[in-house]
Amino acid sequence: MAAVPYNNQIIQELSDLINRSIDIADFPYKKGNSIRIGGYAIRKKKSAYIIIDCSSNKIVQQLFSQTAAIALAKKLAKDDMQNHQEIVRLDQQLQKNYIDCIFYSHTIENTKDELKKATTLDRYDIAKYRVEDATLALESHIFR
């Protein structure tokens, strides 16, 4: 007998979810060679992702990672400029540490000095952790 009110609650929540208005900025979609979020488009260029304001057809921002570009485009589409600088800072941190990882892995592969290899391996682990940390922080901007 206790299951009936619970089922009614689920039905009511499902009905509210279906009838609720949907914000277009919550759902990115791919169109051609770009990702669209609200009135903004994200395109991959040679070494960066650019965010374009589709209404004015102007480049708003150029970022290193696709994750940062999606996070920033979502904030721009919702007119939420509160975290703009933080997203750019996280993207720059991700870029720096990603390039450091490439350098460190090259050094690890090519060095013959075991001490240098061990030191570089530690630096690689730190840089890799910072890349993962920045990526998680950017993803939290996307999903909140």
C-alpha atoms as a PDB file:
ATOM      1  CA  MET A   1       0.000   0.000   0.000  1.00  0.00           C
ATOM      2  CA  ALA A   2       2.914   2.390   0.626  1.00  0.00           C
ATOM      3  CA  ALA A   3       4.083   1.982  -2.966  1.00  0.00           C
ATOM      4  CA  VAL A   4       1.089   3.848  -4.434  1.00  0.00           C
ATOM      5  CA  PRO A   5       2.001   7.320  -3.039  1.00  0.00           C
ATOM      6  CA  TYR A   6       5.583   6.722  -4.112  1.00  0.00           C
ATOM      7  CA  ASN A   7       4.448   5.883  -7.660  1.00  0.00           C
ATOM      8  CA  ASN A   8       2.235   8.984  -7.731  1.00  0.00           C
ATOM      9  CA  GLN A   9       5.232  11.067  -6.679  1.00  0.00           C
ATOM     10  CA  ILE A  10       7.345   9.627  -9.501  1.00  0.00           C
ATOM     11  CA  ILE A  11       4.555  10.265 -12.002  1.00  0.00           C
ATOM     12  CA  GLN A  12       4.231  13.868 -10.789  1.00  0.00           C
ATOM     13  CA  GLU A  13       8.008  14.462 -11.035  1.00  0.00           C
ATOM     14  CA  LEU A  14       8.077  12.984 -14.533  1.00  0.00           C
ATOM     15  CA  SER A  15       5.137  15.146 -15.585  1.00  0.00           C
ATOM     16  CA  ASP A  16       6.863  18.270 -14.209  1.00  0.00           C
ATOM     17  CA  LEU A  17      10.038  17.360 -16.072  1.00  0.00           C
ATOM     18  CA  ILE A  18       8.199  16.939 -19.368  1.00  0.00           C
ATOM     19  CA  ASN A  19       6.137  20.121 -19.001  1.00  0.00           C
ATOM     20  CA  ARG A  20       9.030  22.320 -17.879  1.00  0.00           C
ATOM     21  CA  SER A  21      10.395  24.788 -20.419  1.00  0.00           C
ATOM     22  CA  ILE A  22      13.810  23.863 -21.768  1.00  0.00           C
ATOM     23  CA  ASP A  23      16.678  26.344 -21.999  1.00  0.00           C
ATOM     24  CA  ILE A  24      18.452  25.953 -25.348  1.00  0.00           C
ATOM     25  CA  ALA A  25      21.776  26.860 -23.700  1.00  0.00           C
ATOM     26  CA  ASP A  26      21.639  23.603 -21.726  1.00  0.00           C
ATOM     27  CA  PHE A  27      21.934  21.437 -24.838  1.00  0.00           C
ATOM     28  CA  PRO A  28      24.925  21.801 -27.137  1.00  0.00           C
ATOM     29  CA  TYR A  29      24.534  20.306 -30.594  1.00  0.00           C
ATOM     30  CA  LYS A  30      26.853  19.728 -33.539  1.00  0.00           C
ATOM     31  CA  LYS A  31      26.105  21.555 -36.771  1.00  0.00           C
ATOM     32  CA  GLY A  32      28.610  21.158 -39.596  1.00  0.00           C
ATOM     33  CA  ASN A  33      32.117  21.716 -38.268  1.00  0.00           C
ATOM     34  CA  SER A  34      30.984  23.566 -35.150  1.00  0.00           C
ATOM     35  CA  ILE A  35      29.300  22.977 -31.814  1.00  0.00           C
ATOM     36  CA  ARG A  36      26.352  25.303 -31.148  1.00  0.00           C
ATOM     37  CA  ILE A  37      25.327  26.438 -27.687  1.00  0.00           C
ATOM     38  CA  GLY A  38      22.600  29.060 -27.621  1.00  0.00           C
ATOM     39  CA  GLY A  39      23.703  31.913 -29.880  1.00  0.00           C
ATOM     40  CA  TYR A  40      27.356  30.842 -29.873  1.00  0.00           C
ATOM     41  CA  ALA A  41      29.382  28.480 -32.047  1.00  0.00           C
ATOM     42  CA  ILE A  42      32.623  26.687 -31.164  1.00  0.00           C
ATOM     43  CA  ARG A  43      35.020  25.833 -33.981  1.00  0.00           C
ATOM     44  CA  LYS A  44      38.305  23.967 -33.931  1.00  0.00           C
ATOM     45  CA  LYS A  45      41.157  25.852 -35.523  1.00  0.00           C
ATOM     46  CA  LYS A  46      44.747  24.709 -35.961  1.00  0.00           C
ATOM     47  CA  SER A  47      45.847  25.049 -32.338  1.00  0.00           C
ATOM     48  CA  ALA A  48      42.798  26.388 -30.513  1.00  0.00           C
ATOM     49  CA  TYR A  49      39.047  26.452 -30.193  1.00  0.00           C
ATOM     50  CA  ILE A  50      37.322  29.719 -31.004  1.00  0.00           C
ATOM     51  CA  ILE A  51      33.970  30.880 -29.687  1.00  0.00           C
ATOM     52  CA  ILE A  52      31.960  32.896 -32.200  1.00  0.00           C
ATOM     53  CA  ASP A  53      28.935  35.058 -31.395  1.00  0.00           C
ATOM     54  CA  CYS A  54      26.542  34.030 -34.178  1.00  0.00           C
ATOM     55  CA  SER A  55      24.475  37.231 -33.957  1.00  0.00           C
ATOM     56  CA  SER A  56      27.443  39.532 -34.638  1.00  0.00           C
ATOM     57  CA  ASN A  57      29.632  36.896 -36.362  1.00  0.00           C
ATOM     58  CA  LYS A  58      32.629  37.962 -34.261  1.00  0.00           C
ATOM     59  CA  ILE A  59      35.165  35.904 -32.338  1.00  0.00           C
ATOM     60  CA  VAL A  60      34.511  36.252 -28.616  1.00  0.00           C
ATOM     61  CA  GLN A  61      37.327  34.131 -27.202  1.00  0.00           C
ATOM     62  CA  GLN A  62      40.075  31.755 -28.265  1.00  0.00           C
ATOM     63  CA  LEU A  63      40.806  28.845 -25.923  1.00  0.00           C
ATOM     64  CA  PHE A  64      43.150  25.860 -25.874  1.00  0.00           C
ATOM     65  CA  SER A  65      40.724  23.121 -24.828  1.00  0.00           C
ATOM     66  CA  GLN A  66      37.328  22.083 -26.084  1.00  0.00           C
ATOM     67  CA  THR A  67      36.149  21.640 -22.490  1.00  0.00           C
ATOM     68  CA  ALA A  68      36.925  25.277 -21.663  1.00  0.00           C
ATOM     69  CA  ALA A  69      35.302  26.461 -24.891  1.00  0.00           C
ATOM     70  CA  ILE A  70      32.085  24.585 -24.097  1.00  0.00           C
ATOM     71  CA  ALA A  71      32.084  25.853 -20.496  1.00  0.00           C
ATOM     72  CA  LEU A  72      32.575  29.460 -21.582  1.00  0.00           C
ATOM     73  CA  ALA A  73      30.058  29.278 -24.436  1.00  0.00           C
ATOM     74  CA  LYS A  74      27.473  27.864 -22.050  1.00  0.00           C
ATOM     75  CA  LYS A  75      28.083  30.700 -19.579  1.00  0.00           C
ATOM     76  CA  LEU A  76      27.908  33.284 -22.386  1.00  0.00           C
ATOM     77  CA  ALA A  77      24.668  31.781 -23.720  1.00  0.00           C
ATOM     78  CA  LYS A  78      23.130  32.141 -20.262  1.00  0.00           C
ATOM     79  CA  ASP A  79      24.533  35.697 -19.842  1.00  0.00           C
ATOM     80  CA  ASP A  80      26.501  34.507 -16.805  1.00  0.00           C
ATOM     81  CA  MET A  81      29.743  36.487 -16.903  1.00  0.00           C
ATOM     82  CA  GLN A  82      30.586  35.685 -13.282  1.00  0.00           C
ATOM     83  CA  ASN A  83      33.126  32.922 -13.996  1.00  0.00           C
ATOM     84  CA  HIS A  84      34.532  34.135 -17.329  1.00  0.00           C
ATOM     85  CA  GLN A  85      38.022  34.901 -16.006  1.00  0.00           C
ATOM     86  CA  GLU A  86      38.159  31.694 -13.967  1.00  0.00           C
ATOM     87  CA  ILE A  87      37.380  29.582 -17.049  1.00  0.00           C
ATOM     88  CA  VAL A  88      40.090  31.378 -19.041  1.00  0.00           C
ATOM     89  CA  ARG A  89      42.570  30.915 -16.162  1.00  0.00           C
ATOM     90  CA  LEU A  90      41.763  27.199 -15.901  1.00  0.00           C
ATOM     91  CA  ASP A  91      42.215  26.838 -19.659  1.00  0.00           C
ATOM     92  CA  GLN A  92      45.618  28.541 -19.498  1.00  0.00           C
ATOM     93  CA  GLN A  93      46.611  26.279 -16.602  1.00  0.00           C
ATOM     94  CA  LEU A  94      45.482  23.226 -18.566  1.00  0.00           C
ATOM     95  CA  GLN A  95      47.427  24.381 -21.640  1.00  0.00           C
ATOM     96  CA  LYS A  96      50.645  25.006 -19.716  1.00  0.00           C
ATOM     97  CA  ASN A  97      50.560  21.672 -17.911  1.00  0.00           C
ATOM     98  CA  TYR A  98      49.542  19.740 -21.039  1.00  0.00           C
ATOM     99  CA  ILE A  99      52.547  21.140 -22.920  1.00  0.00           C
ATOM    100  CA  ASP A 100      54.725  20.365 -19.891  1.00  0.00           C
ATOM    101  CA  CYS A 101      53.501  16.740 -20.037  1.00  0.00           C
ATOM    102  CA  ILE A 102      54.530  16.504 -23.689  1.00  0.00           C
ATOM    103  CA  PHE A 103      57.975  17.910 -22.882  1.00  0.00           C
ATOM    104  CA  TYR A 104      58.443  15.647 -19.853  1.00  0.00           C
ATOM    105  CA  SER A 105      57.384  12.497 -21.715  1.00  0.00           C
ATOM    106  CA  HIS A 106      59.863  13.320 -24.494  1.00  0.00           C
ATOM    107  CA  THR A 107      62.603  13.816 -21.901  1.00  0.00           C
ATOM    108  CA  ILE A 108      61.729  10.531 -20.155  1.00  0.00           C
ATOM    109  CA  GLU A 109      61.864   8.602 -23.431  1.00  0.00           C
ATOM    110  CA  ASN A 110      65.162  10.067 -24.617  1.00  0.00           C
ATOM    111  CA  THR A 111      67.321  10.609 -21.529  1.00  0.00           C
ATOM    112  CA  LYS A 112      69.965   8.133 -20.466  1.00  0.00           C
ATOM    113  CA  ASP A 113      70.521   9.701 -17.026  1.00  0.00           C
ATOM    114  CA  GLU A 114      68.463   7.760 -14.438  1.00  0.00           C
ATOM    115  CA  LEU A 115      68.368  10.649 -11.945  1.00  0.00           C
ATOM    116  CA  LYS A 116      67.070  13.026 -14.589  1.00  0.00           C
ATOM    117  CA  LYS A 117      64.535  10.397 -15.687  1.00  0.00           C
ATOM    118  CA  ALA A 118      63.247   9.944 -12.106  1.00  0.00           C
ATOM    119  CA  THR A 119      63.004  13.689 -11.518  1.00  0.00           C
ATOM    120  CA  THR A 120      61.253  14.240 -14.828  1.00  0.00           C
ATOM    121  CA  LEU A 121      58.846  11.393 -14.099  1.00  0.00           C
ATOM    122  CA  ASP A 122      57.843  13.125 -10.845  1.00  0.00           C
ATOM    123  CA  ARG A 123      57.345  16.404 -12.697  1.00  0.00           C
ATOM    124  CA  TYR A 124      55.295  14.570 -15.340  1.00  0.00           C
ATOM    125  CA  ASP A 125      53.026  13.090 -12.655  1.00  0.00           C
ATOM    126  CA  ILE A 126      52.480  16.526 -11.100  1.00  0.00           C
ATOM    127  CA  ALA A 127      51.704  18.134 -14.466  1.00  0.00           C
ATOM    128  CA  LYS A 128      49.346  15.278 -15.397  1.00  0.00           C
ATOM    129  CA  TYR A 129      47.509  15.692 -12.088  1.00  0.00           C
ATOM    130  CA  ARG A 130      47.152  19.434 -12.734  1.00  0.00           C
ATOM    131  CA  VAL A 131      45.757  18.757 -16.226  1.00  0.00           C
ATOM    132  CA  GLU A 132      43.181  16.376 -14.758  1.00  0.00           C
ATOM    133  CA  ASP A 133      42.354  18.837 -11.965  1.00  0.00           C
ATOM    134  CA  ALA A 134      41.823  21.732 -14.398  1.00  0.00           C
ATOM    135  CA  THR A 135      39.709  19.519 -16.669  1.00  0.00           C
ATOM    136  CA  LEU A 136      37.486  18.480 -13.755  1.00  0.00           C
ATOM    137  CA  ALA A 137      37.081  22.110 -12.689  1.00  0.00           C
ATOM    138  CA  LEU A 138      36.086  23.081 -16.244  1.00  0.00           C
ATOM    139  CA  GLU A 139      33.633  20.181 -16.429  1.00  0.00           C
ATOM    140  CA  SER A 140      32.047  21.379 -13.196  1.00  0.00           C
ATOM    141  CA  HIS A 141      31.390  24.718 -14.927  1.00  0.00           C
ATOM    142  CA  ILE A 142      29.648  22.863 -17.747  1.00  0.00           C
ATOM    143  CA  PHE A 143      27.395  20.760 -15.542  1.00  0.00           C
ATOM    144  CA  ARG A 144      26.309  23.320 -12.973  1.00  0.00           C
END
